Amino acid sequence: MTEHEEYCVSIRKHYRMPDHTLEGYAVTLWRWSHPSGTWRYTAIRDYPFADYNGSHRKSLRQARRDARKLAGIFDCTNYDTNEKGMWQ
């Protein structure tokens, strides 16, 4: 994390419990917590397949589009579907 960047955005797969069926995606806005020294989620928006005619590609495309816009608004890093670098 760079010193000036307190926010970041990522996309996670959203599963239905208890059978762990992939139901869609969730765009998450994260904020760096200085006291705990880790990322804490600030806001989440779901992109279920049902809203996009059951299409996996359409819901992921919409989630990516909104994640890019959100990263632009907060002037932060967009980790897309790969959060590995965020936690290092």
N, C-alpha and C. Protein backbone atom coordinates (compact mmCIF):
# COMPACT_ATOMS: atom_id res chain seq x y z
N MET A 1 0.84 -1.18 0.00
CA MET A 1 0.00 0.00 0.00
C MET A 1 0.88 1.24 0.00
N THR A 2 0.56 2.17 -0.85
CA THR A 2 1.29 3.42 -0.84
C THR A 2 0.75 4.29 0.29
N GLU A 3 1.55 5.22 0.75
CA GLU A 3 1.18 6.01 1.92
C GLU A 3 -0.03 6.91 1.70
N HIS A 4 -0.24 7.39 0.47
CA HIS A 4 -1.35 8.30 0.23
C HIS A 4 -2.66 7.58 -0.09
N GLU A 5 -2.61 6.28 -0.31
CA GLU A 5 -3.79 5.55 -0.73
C GLU A 5 -4.47 4.84 0.44
N GLU A 6 -5.67 5.31 0.79
CA GLU A 6 -6.40 4.71 1.90
C GLU A 6 -7.54 3.82 1.46
N TYR A 7 -7.85 3.82 0.16
CA TYR A 7 -8.95 3.02 -0.36
C TYR A 7 -8.47 2.12 -1.49
N CYS A 8 -9.21 1.04 -1.72
CA CYS A 8 -9.00 0.20 -2.90
C CYS A 8 -10.30 -0.51 -3.22
N VAL A 9 -10.38 -1.09 -4.41
CA VAL A 9 -11.59 -1.75 -4.90
C VAL A 9 -11.23 -3.16 -5.36
N SER A 10 -12.12 -4.12 -5.10
CA SER A 10 -11.92 -5.48 -5.61
C SER A 10 -13.25 -6.10 -5.97
N ILE A 11 -13.19 -7.19 -6.73
CA ILE A 11 -14.38 -7.95 -7.12
C ILE A 11 -14.23 -9.36 -6.57
N ARG A 12 -15.24 -9.80 -5.85
CA ARG A 12 -15.23 -11.15 -5.28
C ARG A 12 -16.39 -11.96 -5.84
N LYS A 13 -16.20 -13.27 -5.89
CA LYS A 13 -17.29 -14.16 -6.26
C LYS A 13 -18.25 -14.25 -5.08
N HIS A 14 -19.54 -14.25 -5.38
CA HIS A 14 -20.58 -14.30 -4.35
C HIS A 14 -21.25 -15.66 -4.42
N TYR A 15 -21.21 -16.42 -3.32
CA TYR A 15 -21.76 -17.77 -3.29
C TYR A 15 -23.02 -17.83 -2.45
N ARG A 16 -23.91 -18.75 -2.81
CA ARG A 16 -25.11 -19.01 -2.01
C ARG A 16 -24.79 -20.13 -1.03
N MET A 17 -25.16 -19.93 0.19
CA MET A 17 -24.94 -20.95 1.22
C MET A 17 -26.23 -21.76 1.38
N PRO A 18 -26.21 -22.98 1.81
CA PRO A 18 -25.08 -23.80 2.25
C PRO A 18 -24.46 -24.65 1.15
N ASP A 19 -25.00 -24.60 -0.08
CA ASP A 19 -24.48 -25.49 -1.12
C ASP A 19 -23.33 -24.87 -1.93
N HIS A 20 -22.92 -23.65 -1.62
CA HIS A 20 -21.78 -22.97 -2.25
C HIS A 20 -21.94 -22.81 -3.76
N THR A 21 -23.16 -22.52 -4.20
CA THR A 21 -23.42 -22.29 -5.62
C THR A 21 -23.01 -20.86 -5.96
N LEU A 22 -22.25 -20.69 -7.05
CA LEU A 22 -21.85 -19.36 -7.49
C LEU A 22 -23.10 -18.62 -7.93
N GLU A 23 -23.37 -17.48 -7.30
CA GLU A 23 -24.59 -16.73 -7.53
C GLU A 23 -24.35 -15.42 -8.26
N GLY A 24 -23.11 -14.95 -8.27
CA GLY A 24 -22.81 -13.68 -8.92
C GLY A 24 -21.50 -13.12 -8.39
N TYR A 25 -21.38 -11.79 -8.44
CA TYR A 25 -20.16 -11.12 -7.99
C TYR A 25 -20.51 -9.99 -7.04
N ALA A 26 -19.52 -9.54 -6.29
CA ALA A 26 -19.70 -8.41 -5.39
C ALA A 26 -18.51 -7.47 -5.55
N VAL A 27 -18.80 -6.19 -5.80
CA VAL A 27 -17.75 -5.17 -5.85
C VAL A 27 -17.60 -4.62 -4.45
N THR A 28 -16.38 -4.62 -3.93
CA THR A 28 -16.12 -4.20 -2.56
C THR A 28 -15.18 -3.01 -2.54
N LEU A 29 -15.57 -2.00 -1.79
CA LEU A 29 -14.72 -0.84 -1.54
C LEU A 29 -14.08 -1.06 -0.17
N TRP A 30 -12.76 -1.04 -0.14
CA TRP A 30 -12.00 -1.28 1.09
C TRP A 30 -11.36 0.02 1.57
N ARG A 31 -11.22 0.15 2.88
CA ARG A 31 -10.53 1.30 3.48
C ARG A 31 -9.46 0.79 4.43
N TRP A 32 -8.28 1.39 4.36
CA TRP A 32 -7.17 0.98 5.21
C TRP A 32 -7.44 1.45 6.65
N SER A 33 -7.36 0.53 7.59
CA SER A 33 -7.55 0.84 9.01
C SER A 33 -6.18 0.97 9.65
N HIS A 34 -5.82 2.20 10.01
CA HIS A 34 -4.50 2.44 10.61
C HIS A 34 -4.32 1.76 11.97
N PRO A 35 -5.33 1.78 12.87
CA PRO A 35 -5.14 1.12 14.16
C PRO A 35 -4.87 -0.38 14.06
N SER A 36 -5.61 -1.07 13.18
CA SER A 36 -5.43 -2.52 13.07
C SER A 36 -4.40 -2.90 12.01
N GLY A 37 -4.05 -1.97 11.11
CA GLY A 37 -3.05 -2.25 10.07
C GLY A 37 -3.53 -3.23 9.02
N THR A 38 -4.82 -3.18 8.68
CA THR A 38 -5.37 -4.08 7.67
C THR A 38 -6.50 -3.38 6.92
N TRP A 39 -6.95 -4.03 5.84
CA TRP A 39 -8.06 -3.51 5.06
C TRP A 39 -9.39 -3.89 5.70
N ARG A 40 -10.34 -2.97 5.75
CA ARG A 40 -11.69 -3.21 6.25
C ARG A 40 -12.66 -2.83 5.13
N TYR A 41 -13.70 -3.65 4.92
CA TYR A 41 -14.63 -3.30 3.85
C TYR A 41 -15.49 -2.12 4.28
N THR A 42 -15.74 -1.23 3.34
CA THR A 42 -16.53 -0.03 3.59
C THR A 42 -17.90 -0.16 2.94
N ALA A 43 -17.94 -0.68 1.72
CA ALA A 43 -19.21 -0.83 1.00
C ALA A 43 -19.12 -2.02 0.06
N ILE A 44 -20.27 -2.67 -0.13
CA ILE A 44 -20.35 -3.83 -1.01
C ILE A 44 -21.60 -3.69 -1.88
N ARG A 45 -21.46 -4.01 -3.16
CA ARG A 45 -22.62 -4.06 -4.05
C ARG A 45 -22.61 -5.38 -4.79
N ASP A 46 -23.74 -6.10 -4.74
CA ASP A 46 -23.86 -7.40 -5.38
C ASP A 46 -24.30 -7.29 -6.83
N TYR A 47 -23.79 -8.21 -7.66
CA TYR A 47 -24.16 -8.31 -9.07
C TYR A 47 -24.60 -9.76 -9.32
N PRO A 48 -25.83 -10.11 -8.95
CA PRO A 48 -26.29 -11.49 -9.13
C PRO A 48 -26.56 -11.81 -10.60
N PHE A 49 -26.42 -13.08 -10.94
CA PHE A 49 -26.67 -13.52 -12.31
C PHE A 49 -28.13 -13.26 -12.71
N ALA A 50 -29.05 -13.36 -11.76
CA ALA A 50 -30.47 -13.19 -12.06
C ALA A 50 -30.78 -11.81 -12.63
N ASP A 51 -30.06 -10.79 -12.20
CA ASP A 51 -30.29 -9.44 -12.71
C ASP A 51 -29.79 -9.26 -14.14
N TYR A 52 -28.95 -10.15 -14.59
CA TYR A 52 -28.37 -10.03 -15.93
C TYR A 52 -28.73 -11.25 -16.77
N ASN A 53 -30.00 -11.66 -16.69
CA ASN A 53 -30.54 -12.78 -17.48
C ASN A 53 -29.76 -14.07 -17.28
N GLY A 54 -29.22 -14.28 -16.11
CA GLY A 54 -28.48 -15.50 -15.83
C GLY A 54 -27.13 -15.58 -16.48
N SER A 55 -26.64 -14.48 -17.01
CA SER A 55 -25.38 -14.50 -17.74
C SER A 55 -24.19 -14.21 -16.84
N HIS A 56 -23.27 -15.13 -16.79
CA HIS A 56 -22.04 -14.99 -16.02
C HIS A 56 -21.20 -13.83 -16.57
N ARG A 57 -21.07 -13.76 -17.87
CA ARG A 57 -20.24 -12.73 -18.50
C ARG A 57 -20.80 -11.33 -18.33
N LYS A 58 -22.11 -11.19 -18.47
CA LYS A 58 -22.73 -9.87 -18.35
C LYS A 58 -22.58 -9.31 -16.94
N SER A 59 -22.79 -10.15 -15.93
CA SER A 59 -22.68 -9.66 -14.55
C SER A 59 -21.24 -9.32 -14.21
N LEU A 60 -20.27 -10.11 -14.68
CA LEU A 60 -18.86 -9.79 -14.44
C LEU A 60 -18.46 -8.52 -15.18
N ARG A 61 -18.94 -8.35 -16.41
CA ARG A 61 -18.63 -7.15 -17.18
C ARG A 61 -19.18 -5.89 -16.48
N GLN A 62 -20.41 -5.97 -15.95
CA GLN A 62 -20.99 -4.83 -15.24
C GLN A 62 -20.24 -4.56 -13.94
N ALA A 63 -19.85 -5.61 -13.22
CA ALA A 63 -19.08 -5.44 -11.98
C ALA A 63 -17.74 -4.78 -12.27
N ARG A 64 -17.07 -5.20 -13.33
CA ARG A 64 -15.78 -4.60 -13.69
C ARG A 64 -15.93 -3.15 -14.10
N ARG A 65 -16.99 -2.83 -14.84
CA ARG A 65 -17.24 -1.46 -15.26
C ARG A 65 -17.45 -0.56 -14.04
N ASP A 66 -18.27 -1.02 -13.10
CA ASP A 66 -18.54 -0.23 -11.90
C ASP A 66 -17.32 -0.14 -10.98
N ALA A 67 -16.51 -1.19 -10.93
CA ALA A 67 -15.29 -1.16 -10.12
C ALA A 67 -14.31 -0.12 -10.67
N ARG A 68 -14.19 -0.04 -11.99
CA ARG A 68 -13.32 0.98 -12.60
C ARG A 68 -13.81 2.39 -12.28
N LYS A 69 -15.12 2.61 -12.36
CA LYS A 69 -15.69 3.91 -12.04
C LYS A 69 -15.44 4.27 -10.58
N LEU A 70 -15.65 3.31 -9.68
CA LEU A 70 -15.45 3.54 -8.25
C LEU A 70 -13.99 3.84 -7.94
N ALA A 71 -13.08 3.12 -8.57
CA ALA A 71 -11.65 3.38 -8.38
C ALA A 71 -11.29 4.78 -8.88
N GLY A 72 -11.94 5.23 -9.94
CA GLY A 72 -11.70 6.57 -10.45
C GLY A 72 -12.22 7.64 -9.51
N ILE A 73 -13.37 7.40 -8.92
CA ILE A 73 -13.95 8.36 -7.98
C ILE A 73 -13.06 8.52 -6.74
N PHE A 74 -12.59 7.41 -6.20
CA PHE A 74 -11.77 7.45 -4.99
C PHE A 74 -10.28 7.57 -5.29
N ASP A 75 -9.91 7.62 -6.57
CA ASP A 75 -8.52 7.71 -6.99
C ASP A 75 -7.68 6.65 -6.29
N CYS A 76 -8.10 5.39 -6.46
CA CYS A 76 -7.45 4.29 -5.75
C CYS A 76 -7.18 3.13 -6.70
N THR A 77 -6.54 2.09 -6.21
CA THR A 77 -6.19 0.92 -6.99
C THR A 77 -7.39 0.00 -7.16
N ASN A 78 -7.56 -0.52 -8.37
CA ASN A 78 -8.60 -1.49 -8.66
C ASN A 78 -7.93 -2.85 -8.80
N TYR A 79 -8.17 -3.74 -7.86
CA TYR A 79 -7.55 -5.07 -7.89
C TYR A 79 -8.35 -6.07 -8.71
N ASP A 80 -9.48 -5.65 -9.26
CA ASP A 80 -10.34 -6.49 -10.09
C ASP A 80 -10.65 -7.78 -9.35
N THR A 81 -10.40 -8.94 -9.94
CA THR A 81 -10.69 -10.21 -9.28
C THR A 81 -9.47 -10.82 -8.59
N ASN A 82 -8.36 -10.10 -8.55
CA ASN A 82 -7.13 -10.60 -7.95
C ASN A 82 -6.74 -9.74 -6.75
N GLU A 83 -7.08 -10.19 -5.56
CA GLU A 83 -6.80 -9.44 -4.34
C GLU A 83 -5.44 -9.75 -3.74
N LYS A 84 -4.65 -10.60 -4.37
CA LYS A 84 -3.38 -11.04 -3.80
C LYS A 84 -2.48 -9.85 -3.41
N GLY A 85 -2.29 -8.91 -4.31
CA GLY A 85 -1.42 -7.77 -4.05
C GLY A 85 -1.96 -6.87 -2.96
N MET A 86 -3.25 -6.88 -2.77
CA MET A 86 -3.87 -6.03 -1.76
C MET A 86 -3.46 -6.45 -0.34
N TRP A 87 -3.32 -7.75 -0.13
CA TRP A 87 -3.07 -8.26 1.22
C TRP A 87 -1.59 -8.38 1.55
N GLN A 88 -0.71 -8.03 0.63
CA GLN A 88 0.73 -8.15 0.90
C GLN A 88 1.26 -6.88 1.51
